[in-house]
């Protein structure tokens, strides 16, 4: 027997420091899952929901919680129903229930959409941020225009230009003071308008090999690769921009009547 409507509850919450928490609740039982930015689970989750919606006989995927695994498995039981099994590898609480495919898919997909559109989703705590994103957000230049503006710069000028988009500091030490990859006190004052903070140094991108590049083609390739470099701590995808047209169309369409096998022999 399929579960009653709304028996299955999905909740995403607590987006912080590269983690998002997911609660899957049925009746009095809840399985809590920790989603890690290191092993971004969203593409696999959406692909699994799409497979369930198409009536695949059996489909499964795993969420890696940075060491422990949680398996999501769906098995078709005919007439639009599925057996849904949720099995964490580290605890005794598991879910094993029968419900309609629409309830399973709808509960998970809608919870994901609602969370990603809410203030509880914090992109700065989850999403990967690239140097190219910083060019988009903090300059009035397109990426090709930004690349063109960098081609004639020397290594130190390029380091300063990139620092304006990706500012960083490091702990002061003797090695850092000798490194050409860190700014002098005068350069810190030039860029920030403030004296250097005691015990820290302004850290530049290394830009190793820039001075040895002689052609525009080589420099353009270098800069294109730099634009793909991550400049924050996270690897997560932009959840508010991730959607499945296939699932949204399916969930909005009328439920199909169960196919009756004997009809294929009618003449």
C-alpha atoms as a PDB file:
ATOM      1  CA  UNK A   1       0.000   0.000   0.000  1.00  0.00           C
ATOM      2  CA  UNK A   2       1.307   3.416  -0.882  1.00  0.00           C
ATOM      3  CA  UNK A   3       2.003   5.856   1.926  1.00  0.00           C
ATOM      4  CA  UNK A   4      -0.657   8.431   2.661  1.00  0.00           C
ATOM      5  CA  UNK A   5      -0.123  11.879   1.098  1.00  0.00           C
ATOM      6  CA  UNK A   6       2.301  14.074   3.035  1.00  0.00           C
ATOM      7  CA  UNK A   7       3.606  11.114   5.079  1.00  0.00           C
ATOM      8  CA  UNK A   8       7.050  11.798   3.621  1.00  0.00           C
ATOM      9  CA  UNK A   9       8.648  15.053   4.765  1.00  0.00           C
ATOM     10  CA  UNK A  10      11.925  16.445   3.397  1.00  0.00           C
ATOM     11  CA  UNK A  11      13.807  19.355   4.936  1.00  0.00           C
ATOM     12  CA  UNK A  12      17.079  20.996   3.933  1.00  0.00           C
ATOM     13  CA  UNK A  13      18.611  23.298   6.559  1.00  0.00           C
ATOM     14  CA  UNK A  14      21.733  24.718   8.208  1.00  0.00           C
ATOM     15  CA  UNK A  15      23.855  25.761   5.243  1.00  0.00           C
ATOM     16  CA  UNK A  16      27.179  26.581   6.849  1.00  0.00           C
ATOM     17  CA  UNK A  17      30.919  26.112   6.248  1.00  0.00           C
ATOM     18  CA  UNK A  18      30.487  23.788   3.273  1.00  0.00           C
ATOM     19  CA  UNK A  19      27.711  21.648   4.759  1.00  0.00           C
ATOM     20  CA  UNK A  20      23.958  21.412   4.156  1.00  0.00           C
ATOM     21  CA  UNK A  21      21.813  19.157   6.314  1.00  0.00           C
ATOM     22  CA  UNK A  22      18.911  17.100   4.967  1.00  0.00           C
ATOM     23  CA  UNK A  23      16.213  15.438   7.089  1.00  0.00           C
ATOM     24  CA  UNK A  24      14.048  12.687   5.594  1.00  0.00           C
ATOM     25  CA  UNK A  25      11.080  11.957   7.853  1.00  0.00           C
ATOM     26  CA  UNK A  26       8.320   9.367   7.650  1.00  0.00           C
ATOM     27  CA  UNK A  27       5.892   9.010  10.560  1.00  0.00           C
ATOM     28  CA  UNK A  28       8.055   9.124  13.702  1.00  0.00           C
ATOM     29  CA  UNK A  29      11.337   8.158  12.017  1.00  0.00           C
ATOM     30  CA  UNK A  30      13.881  10.664  10.718  1.00  0.00           C
ATOM     31  CA  UNK A  31      17.139  10.040   8.896  1.00  0.00           C
ATOM     32  CA  UNK A  32      19.485  13.052   9.002  1.00  0.00           C
ATOM     33  CA  UNK A  33      22.049  13.368   6.228  1.00  0.00           C
ATOM     34  CA  UNK A  34      25.023  15.724   6.047  1.00  0.00           C
ATOM     35  CA  UNK A  35      25.694  16.998   2.519  1.00  0.00           C
ATOM     36  CA  UNK A  36      29.276  18.060   1.869  1.00  0.00           C
ATOM     37  CA  UNK A  37      30.492  20.595  -0.678  1.00  0.00           C
ATOM     38  CA  UNK A  38      33.462  18.278  -1.278  1.00  0.00           C
ATOM     39  CA  UNK A  39      31.147  15.627  -2.743  1.00  0.00           C
ATOM     40  CA  UNK A  40      28.403  17.838  -4.225  1.00  0.00           C
ATOM     41  CA  UNK A  41      25.319  15.550  -4.226  1.00  0.00           C
ATOM     42  CA  UNK A  42      22.829  17.629  -6.213  1.00  0.00           C
ATOM     43  CA  UNK A  43      23.474  16.331  -9.784  1.00  0.00           C
ATOM     44  CA  UNK A  44      23.170  12.719  -8.594  1.00  0.00           C
ATOM     45  CA  UNK A  45      20.019  13.503  -6.616  1.00  0.00           C
ATOM     46  CA  UNK A  46      18.332  15.222  -9.568  1.00  0.00           C
ATOM     47  CA  UNK A  47      19.335  12.419 -11.959  1.00  0.00           C
ATOM     48  CA  UNK A  48      17.924   9.856  -9.515  1.00  0.00           C
ATOM     49  CA  UNK A  49      14.613  11.735  -9.215  1.00  0.00           C
ATOM     50  CA  UNK A  50      14.378  11.939 -13.005  1.00  0.00           C
ATOM     51  CA  UNK A  51      14.946   8.187 -13.246  1.00  0.00           C
ATOM     52  CA  UNK A  52      12.204   7.558 -10.672  1.00  0.00           C
ATOM     53  CA  UNK A  53       9.810   9.801 -12.612  1.00  0.00           C
ATOM     54  CA  UNK A  54      10.345   7.801 -15.813  1.00  0.00           C
ATOM     55  CA  UNK A  55       9.494   4.511 -14.117  1.00  0.00           C
ATOM     56  CA  UNK A  56      12.948   2.927 -14.165  1.00  0.00           C
ATOM     57  CA  UNK A  57      12.643  -0.522 -12.589  1.00  0.00           C
ATOM     58  CA  UNK A  58      15.351   0.137 -10.017  1.00  0.00           C
ATOM     59  CA  UNK A  59      17.728   3.044  -9.480  1.00  0.00           C
ATOM     60  CA  UNK A  60      20.013   4.121  -6.669  1.00  0.00           C
ATOM     61  CA  UNK A  61      22.769   6.554  -5.768  1.00  0.00           C
ATOM     62  CA  UNK A  62      24.894   7.346  -2.724  1.00  0.00           C
ATOM     63  CA  UNK A  63      25.646  10.502  -0.799  1.00  0.00           C
ATOM     64  CA  UNK A  64      29.167  10.674   0.596  1.00  0.00           C
ATOM     65  CA  UNK A  65      29.252  12.412   3.979  1.00  0.00           C
ATOM     66  CA  UNK A  66      33.057  12.594   3.822  1.00  0.00           C
ATOM     67  CA  UNK A  67      33.547   9.025   4.930  1.00  0.00           C
ATOM     68  CA  UNK A  68      30.150   7.518   5.659  1.00  0.00           C
ATOM     69  CA  UNK A  69      27.709   6.689   2.872  1.00  0.00           C
ATOM     70  CA  UNK A  70      23.929   7.009   2.565  1.00  0.00           C
ATOM     71  CA  UNK A  71      22.201   4.996  -0.162  1.00  0.00           C
ATOM     72  CA  UNK A  72      18.976   6.143  -1.834  1.00  0.00           C
ATOM     73  CA  UNK A  73      17.202   3.311  -3.653  1.00  0.00           C
ATOM     74  CA  UNK A  74      13.891   3.252  -5.532  1.00  0.00           C
ATOM     75  CA  UNK A  75      12.260   0.119  -6.958  1.00  0.00           C
ATOM     76  CA  UNK A  76       9.186   0.287  -9.188  1.00  0.00           C
ATOM     77  CA  UNK A  77       6.165  -1.572  -7.802  1.00  0.00           C
ATOM     78  CA  UNK A  78       3.815  -0.821 -10.699  1.00  0.00           C
ATOM     79  CA  UNK A  79       0.783   1.466 -11.016  1.00  0.00           C
ATOM     80  CA  UNK A  80       2.948   4.525 -10.382  1.00  0.00           C
ATOM     81  CA  UNK A  81       4.203   3.322  -6.990  1.00  0.00           C
ATOM     82  CA  UNK A  82       7.742   2.737  -5.759  1.00  0.00           C
ATOM     83  CA  UNK A  83       9.517   1.175  -2.832  1.00  0.00           C
ATOM     84  CA  UNK A  84      11.847   3.803  -1.366  1.00  0.00           C
ATOM     85  CA  UNK A  85      14.757   2.638   0.769  1.00  0.00           C
ATOM     86  CA  UNK A  86      17.123   4.987   2.571  1.00  0.00           C
ATOM     87  CA  UNK A  87      20.091   3.262   4.176  1.00  0.00           C
ATOM     88  CA  UNK A  88      22.847   5.127   6.044  1.00  0.00           C
ATOM     89  CA  UNK A  89      25.927   2.999   6.598  1.00  0.00           C
ATOM     90  CA  UNK A  90      26.561   4.266  10.113  1.00  0.00           C
ATOM     91  CA  UNK A  91      23.269   4.081  12.030  1.00  0.00           C
ATOM     92  CA  UNK A  92      20.428   1.672  12.648  1.00  0.00           C
ATOM     93  CA  UNK A  93      17.654   4.061  11.572  1.00  0.00           C
ATOM     94  CA  UNK A  94      16.669   3.266   8.001  1.00  0.00           C
ATOM     95  CA  UNK A  95      13.585   3.994   5.936  1.00  0.00           C
ATOM     96  CA  UNK A  96      11.781   1.410   3.838  1.00  0.00           C
ATOM     97  CA  UNK A  97       8.383   2.466   2.566  1.00  0.00           C
ATOM     98  CA  UNK A  98       6.002   2.240  -0.352  1.00  0.00           C
ATOM     99  CA  UNK A  99       4.540   5.386  -1.847  1.00  0.00           C
ATOM    100  CA  UNK A 100       3.672   6.920  -5.170  1.00  0.00           C
ATOM    101  CA  UNK A 101       6.514   8.050  -7.386  1.00  0.00           C
ATOM    102  CA  UNK A 102       4.897  11.482  -7.519  1.00  0.00           C
ATOM    103  CA  UNK A 103       4.943  11.828  -3.747  1.00  0.00           C
ATOM    104  CA  UNK A 104       8.587  10.767  -3.512  1.00  0.00           C
ATOM    105  CA  UNK A 105       9.785  12.960  -6.372  1.00  0.00           C
ATOM    106  CA  UNK A 106       7.528  15.889  -5.450  1.00  0.00           C
ATOM    107  CA  UNK A 107       8.537  15.929  -1.787  1.00  0.00           C
ATOM    108  CA  UNK A 108      12.265  15.904  -2.531  1.00  0.00           C
ATOM    109  CA  UNK A 109      12.280  18.228  -5.512  1.00  0.00           C
ATOM    110  CA  UNK A 110      10.002  20.853  -3.967  1.00  0.00           C
ATOM    111  CA  UNK A 111      11.968  20.822  -0.706  1.00  0.00           C
ATOM    112  CA  UNK A 112      15.168  21.425  -2.673  1.00  0.00           C
ATOM    113  CA  UNK A 113      13.633  24.311  -4.665  1.00  0.00           C
ATOM    114  CA  UNK A 114      12.084  25.957  -1.600  1.00  0.00           C
ATOM    115  CA  UNK A 115      15.343  25.732   0.342  1.00  0.00           C
ATOM    116  CA  UNK A 116      17.496  27.068  -2.497  1.00  0.00           C
ATOM    117  CA  UNK A 117      15.180  30.083  -2.849  1.00  0.00           C
ATOM    118  CA  UNK A 118      15.057  30.816   0.884  1.00  0.00           C
ATOM    119  CA  UNK A 119      17.347  32.944   3.099  1.00  0.00           C
ATOM    120  CA  UNK A 120      18.435  29.703   4.783  1.00  0.00           C
ATOM    121  CA  UNK A 121      20.509  28.901   1.694  1.00  0.00           C
ATOM    122  CA  UNK A 122      23.777  30.838   1.957  1.00  0.00           C
ATOM    123  CA  UNK A 123      25.810  30.773  -1.261  1.00  0.00           C
ATOM    124  CA  UNK A 124      28.851  32.237   0.471  1.00  0.00           C
ATOM    125  CA  UNK A 125      28.878  29.150   2.725  1.00  0.00           C
ATOM    126  CA  UNK A 126      28.491  26.580  -0.059  1.00  0.00           C
ATOM    127  CA  UNK A 127      29.212  27.671  -3.618  1.00  0.00           C
ATOM    128  CA  UNK A 128      32.517  27.592  -5.398  1.00  0.00           C
ATOM    129  CA  UNK A 129      33.607  31.112  -6.369  1.00  0.00           C
ATOM    130  CA  UNK A 130      36.036  31.502  -9.262  1.00  0.00           C
ATOM    131  CA  UNK A 131      38.288  34.364 -10.280  1.00  0.00           C
ATOM    132  CA  UNK A 132      36.034  34.683 -13.344  1.00  0.00           C
ATOM    133  CA  UNK A 133      33.057  35.203 -11.024  1.00  0.00           C
ATOM    134  CA  UNK A 134      34.956  38.015  -9.320  1.00  0.00           C
ATOM    135  CA  UNK A 135      35.643  39.657 -12.707  1.00  0.00           C
ATOM    136  CA  UNK A 136      31.902  39.486 -13.425  1.00  0.00           C
ATOM    137  CA  UNK A 137      30.880  40.823 -10.015  1.00  0.00           C
ATOM    138  CA  UNK A 138      33.537  43.483  -9.364  1.00  0.00           C
ATOM    139  CA  UNK A 139      34.479  44.944 -12.731  1.00  0.00           C
ATOM    140  CA  UNK A 140      32.543  46.400 -15.625  1.00  0.00           C
ATOM    141  CA  UNK A 141      34.472  44.217 -18.055  1.00  0.00           C
ATOM    142  CA  UNK A 142      33.565  41.027 -19.834  1.00  0.00           C
ATOM    143  CA  UNK A 143      36.083  38.226 -19.425  1.00  0.00           C
ATOM    144  CA  UNK A 144      37.592  38.816 -22.918  1.00  0.00           C
ATOM    145  CA  UNK A 145      37.894  42.534 -22.135  1.00  0.00           C
ATOM    146  CA  UNK A 146      39.549  41.795 -18.792  1.00  0.00           C
ATOM    147  CA  UNK A 147      42.017  39.430 -20.464  1.00  0.00           C
ATOM    148  CA  UNK A 148      42.886  42.071 -23.085  1.00  0.00           C
ATOM    149  CA  UNK A 149      43.550  44.596 -20.317  1.00  0.00           C
ATOM    150  CA  UNK A 150      46.003  42.216 -18.615  1.00  0.00           C
ATOM    151  CA  UNK A 151      48.132  41.239 -21.632  1.00  0.00           C
ATOM    152  CA  UNK A 152      50.624  44.126 -21.441  1.00  0.00           C
ATOM    153  CA  UNK A 153      51.186  43.984 -17.668  1.00  0.00           C
ATOM    154  CA  UNK A 154      54.366  42.724 -16.070  1.00  0.00           C
ATOM    155  CA  UNK A 155      54.220  40.030 -13.385  1.00  0.00           C
ATOM    156  CA  UNK A 156      53.954  42.396 -10.407  1.00  0.00           C
ATOM    157  CA  UNK A 157      51.282  44.497 -12.115  1.00  0.00           C
ATOM    158  CA  UNK A 158      49.313  41.356 -12.904  1.00  0.00           C
ATOM    159  CA  UNK A 159      49.626  40.198  -9.287  1.00  0.00           C
ATOM    160  CA  UNK A 160      48.251  43.524  -8.089  1.00  0.00           C
ATOM    161  CA  UNK A 161      45.393  43.467 -10.605  1.00  0.00           C
ATOM    162  CA  UNK A 162      44.343  39.979  -9.505  1.00  0.00           C
ATOM    163  CA  UNK A 163      44.720  40.920  -5.832  1.00  0.00           C
ATOM    164  CA  UNK A 164      42.069  43.589  -6.307  1.00  0.00           C
ATOM    165  CA  UNK A 165      39.680  40.725  -7.101  1.00  0.00           C
ATOM    166  CA  UNK A 166      41.053  38.157  -4.636  1.00  0.00           C
ATOM    167  CA  UNK A 167      42.419  39.755  -1.495  1.00  0.00           C
ATOM    168  CA  UNK A 168      44.185  37.578   1.005  1.00  0.00           C
ATOM    169  CA  UNK A 169      46.568  37.770   3.950  1.00  0.00           C
ATOM    170  CA  UNK A 170      48.931  35.328   5.595  1.00  0.00           C
ATOM    171  CA  UNK A 171      50.822  35.032   8.836  1.00  0.00           C
ATOM    172  CA  UNK A 172      54.040  37.020   8.849  1.00  0.00           C
ATOM    173  CA  UNK A 173      57.253  35.024   8.935  1.00  0.00           C
ATOM    174  CA  UNK A 174      60.844  35.373   7.749  1.00  0.00           C
ATOM    175  CA  UNK A 175      60.260  33.324   4.588  1.00  0.00           C
ATOM    176  CA  UNK A 176      57.265  35.410   3.579  1.00  0.00           C
ATOM    177  CA  UNK A 177      59.240  38.614   4.044  1.00  0.00           C
ATOM    178  CA  UNK A 178      61.742  37.331   1.499  1.00  0.00           C
ATOM    179  CA  UNK A 179      59.100  36.152  -0.974  1.00  0.00           C
ATOM    180  CA  UNK A 180      58.318  38.109  -4.098  1.00  0.00           C
ATOM    181  CA  UNK A 181      54.742  36.869  -3.802  1.00  0.00           C
ATOM    182  CA  UNK A 182      53.928  39.111  -0.877  1.00  0.00           C
ATOM    183  CA  UNK A 183      53.412  42.840  -0.847  1.00  0.00           C
ATOM    184  CA  UNK A 184      55.609  45.332   0.911  1.00  0.00           C
ATOM    185  CA  UNK A 185      54.201  47.607   3.598  1.00  0.00           C
ATOM    186  CA  UNK A 186      54.130  50.437   1.044  1.00  0.00           C
ATOM    187  CA  UNK A 187      52.128  48.303  -1.396  1.00  0.00           C
ATOM    188  CA  UNK A 188      49.649  47.374   1.323  1.00  0.00           C
ATOM    189  CA  UNK A 189      49.159  51.055   2.067  1.00  0.00           C
ATOM    190  CA  UNK A 190      48.837  51.794  -1.674  1.00  0.00           C
ATOM    191  CA  UNK A 191      46.115  49.186  -2.210  1.00  0.00           C
ATOM    192  CA  UNK A 192      44.146  49.429   1.026  1.00  0.00           C
ATOM    193  CA  UNK A 193      44.732  52.995   2.159  1.00  0.00           C
ATOM    194  CA  UNK A 194      45.649  51.564   5.554  1.00  0.00           C
ATOM    195  CA  UNK A 195      48.922  50.454   7.154  1.00  0.00           C
ATOM    196  CA  UNK A 196      49.681  46.738   7.154  1.00  0.00           C
ATOM    197  CA  UNK A 197      48.142  44.851  10.078  1.00  0.00           C
ATOM    198  CA  UNK A 198      50.819  43.618  12.442  1.00  0.00           C
ATOM    199  CA  UNK A 199      51.484  39.894  12.041  1.00  0.00           C
ATOM    200  CA  UNK A 200      49.991  39.613   8.558  1.00  0.00           C
ATOM    201  CA  UNK A 201      51.090  40.075   4.974  1.00  0.00           C
ATOM    202  CA  UNK A 202      49.174  40.811   1.816  1.00  0.00           C
ATOM    203  CA  UNK A 203      49.401  37.650  -0.263  1.00  0.00           C
ATOM    204  CA  UNK A 204      49.587  37.802  -4.067  1.00  0.00           C
ATOM    205  CA  UNK A 205      48.866  35.080  -6.588  1.00  0.00           C
ATOM    206  CA  UNK A 206      52.192  33.585  -7.675  1.00  0.00           C
ATOM    207  CA  UNK A 207      51.590  33.984 -11.433  1.00  0.00           C
ATOM    208  CA  UNK A 208      54.579  31.709 -11.974  1.00  0.00           C
ATOM    209  CA  UNK A 209      55.942  31.753 -15.506  1.00  0.00           C
ATOM    210  CA  UNK A 210      54.132  34.923 -16.627  1.00  0.00           C
ATOM    211  CA  UNK A 211      57.378  36.727 -17.455  1.00  0.00           C
ATOM    212  CA  UNK A 212      58.444  33.858 -19.715  1.00  0.00           C
ATOM    213  CA  UNK A 213      55.325  34.017 -21.898  1.00  0.00           C
ATOM    214  CA  UNK A 214      56.123  35.884 -25.099  1.00  0.00           C
ATOM    215  CA  UNK A 215      52.974  35.655 -27.231  1.00  0.00           C
ATOM    216  CA  UNK A 216      49.421  36.891 -26.747  1.00  0.00           C
ATOM    217  CA  UNK A 217      48.206  33.342 -27.343  1.00  0.00           C
ATOM    218  CA  UNK A 218      50.295  32.015 -24.445  1.00  0.00           C
ATOM    219  CA  UNK A 219      49.248  34.825 -22.130  1.00  0.00           C
ATOM    220  CA  UNK A 220      45.577  34.465 -23.081  1.00  0.00           C
ATOM    221  CA  UNK A 221      45.730  30.743 -22.293  1.00  0.00           C
ATOM    222  CA  UNK A 222      47.339  31.525 -18.924  1.00  0.00           C
ATOM    223  CA  UNK A 223      44.629  34.061 -18.068  1.00  0.00           C
ATOM    224  CA  UNK A 224      41.785  31.807 -19.214  1.00  0.00           C
ATOM    225  CA  UNK A 225      43.077  29.119 -16.848  1.00  0.00           C
ATOM    226  CA  UNK A 226      43.375  31.690 -14.060  1.00  0.00           C
ATOM    227  CA  UNK A 227      39.724  32.678 -14.493  1.00  0.00           C
ATOM    228  CA  UNK A 228      38.761  29.059 -13.713  1.00  0.00           C
ATOM    229  CA  UNK A 229      40.692  29.077 -10.436  1.00  0.00           C
ATOM    230  CA  UNK A 230      38.593  28.881  -7.268  1.00  0.00           C
ATOM    231  CA  UNK A 231      39.233  31.792  -4.889  1.00  0.00           C
ATOM    232  CA  UNK A 232      37.150  30.702  -1.915  1.00  0.00           C
ATOM    233  CA  UNK A 233      36.998  27.600   0.265  1.00  0.00           C
ATOM    234  CA  UNK A 234      34.000  25.750  -1.170  1.00  0.00           C
ATOM    235  CA  UNK A 235      33.274  23.411  -4.095  1.00  0.00           C
ATOM    236  CA  UNK A 236      29.458  23.457  -4.095  1.00  0.00           C
ATOM    237  CA  UNK A 237      27.285  24.217  -7.115  1.00  0.00           C
ATOM    238  CA  UNK A 238      24.892  27.216  -7.324  1.00  0.00           C
ATOM    239  CA  UNK A 239      21.692  25.542  -6.097  1.00  0.00           C
ATOM    240  CA  UNK A 240      19.359  28.436  -7.032  1.00  0.00           C
ATOM    241  CA  UNK A 241      20.427  28.025 -10.669  1.00  0.00           C
ATOM    242  CA  UNK A 242      20.047  24.233 -10.699  1.00  0.00           C
ATOM    243  CA  UNK A 243      16.635  23.063 -11.911  1.00  0.00           C
ATOM    244  CA  UNK A 244      15.163  20.073 -13.768  1.00  0.00           C
ATOM    245  CA  UNK A 245      12.722  21.098 -16.495  1.00  0.00           C
ATOM    246  CA  UNK A 246      11.921  17.415 -16.907  1.00  0.00           C
ATOM    247  CA  UNK A 247      10.790  17.049 -13.282  1.00  0.00           C
ATOM    248  CA  UNK A 248       8.889  20.321 -13.215  1.00  0.00           C
ATOM    249  CA  UNK A 249       6.977  19.379 -16.363  1.00  0.00           C
ATOM    250  CA  UNK A 250       6.230  15.902 -15.012  1.00  0.00           C
ATOM    251  CA  UNK A 251       5.059  17.142 -11.609  1.00  0.00           C
ATOM    252  CA  UNK A 252       2.745  19.707 -13.210  1.00  0.00           C
ATOM    253  CA  UNK A 253       1.192  17.232 -15.661  1.00  0.00           C
ATOM    254  CA  UNK A 254      -1.905  15.172 -14.758  1.00  0.00           C
ATOM    255  CA  UNK A 255      -1.175  11.777 -13.260  1.00  0.00           C
ATOM    256  CA  UNK A 256      -1.303   9.057 -15.906  1.00  0.00           C
ATOM    257  CA  UNK A 257      -3.756   6.213 -15.494  1.00  0.00           C
ATOM    258  CA  UNK A 258      -2.059   2.879 -14.779  1.00  0.00           C
ATOM    259  CA  UNK A 259      -1.353   0.996 -17.992  1.00  0.00           C
ATOM    260  CA  UNK A 260      -3.428  -2.149 -18.298  1.00  0.00           C
ATOM    261  CA  UNK A 261      -1.325  -4.852 -19.942  1.00  0.00           C
ATOM    262  CA  UNK A 262      -4.253  -6.695 -21.530  1.00  0.00           C
ATOM    263  CA  UNK A 263      -5.137  -3.668 -23.709  1.00  0.00           C
ATOM    264  CA  UNK A 264      -2.218  -4.365 -26.043  1.00  0.00           C
ATOM    265  CA  UNK A 265      -4.052  -7.466 -27.351  1.00  0.00           C
ATOM    266  CA  UNK A 266      -7.240  -5.608 -28.275  1.00  0.00           C
ATOM    267  CA  UNK A 267      -8.049  -5.516 -32.005  1.00  0.00           C
END
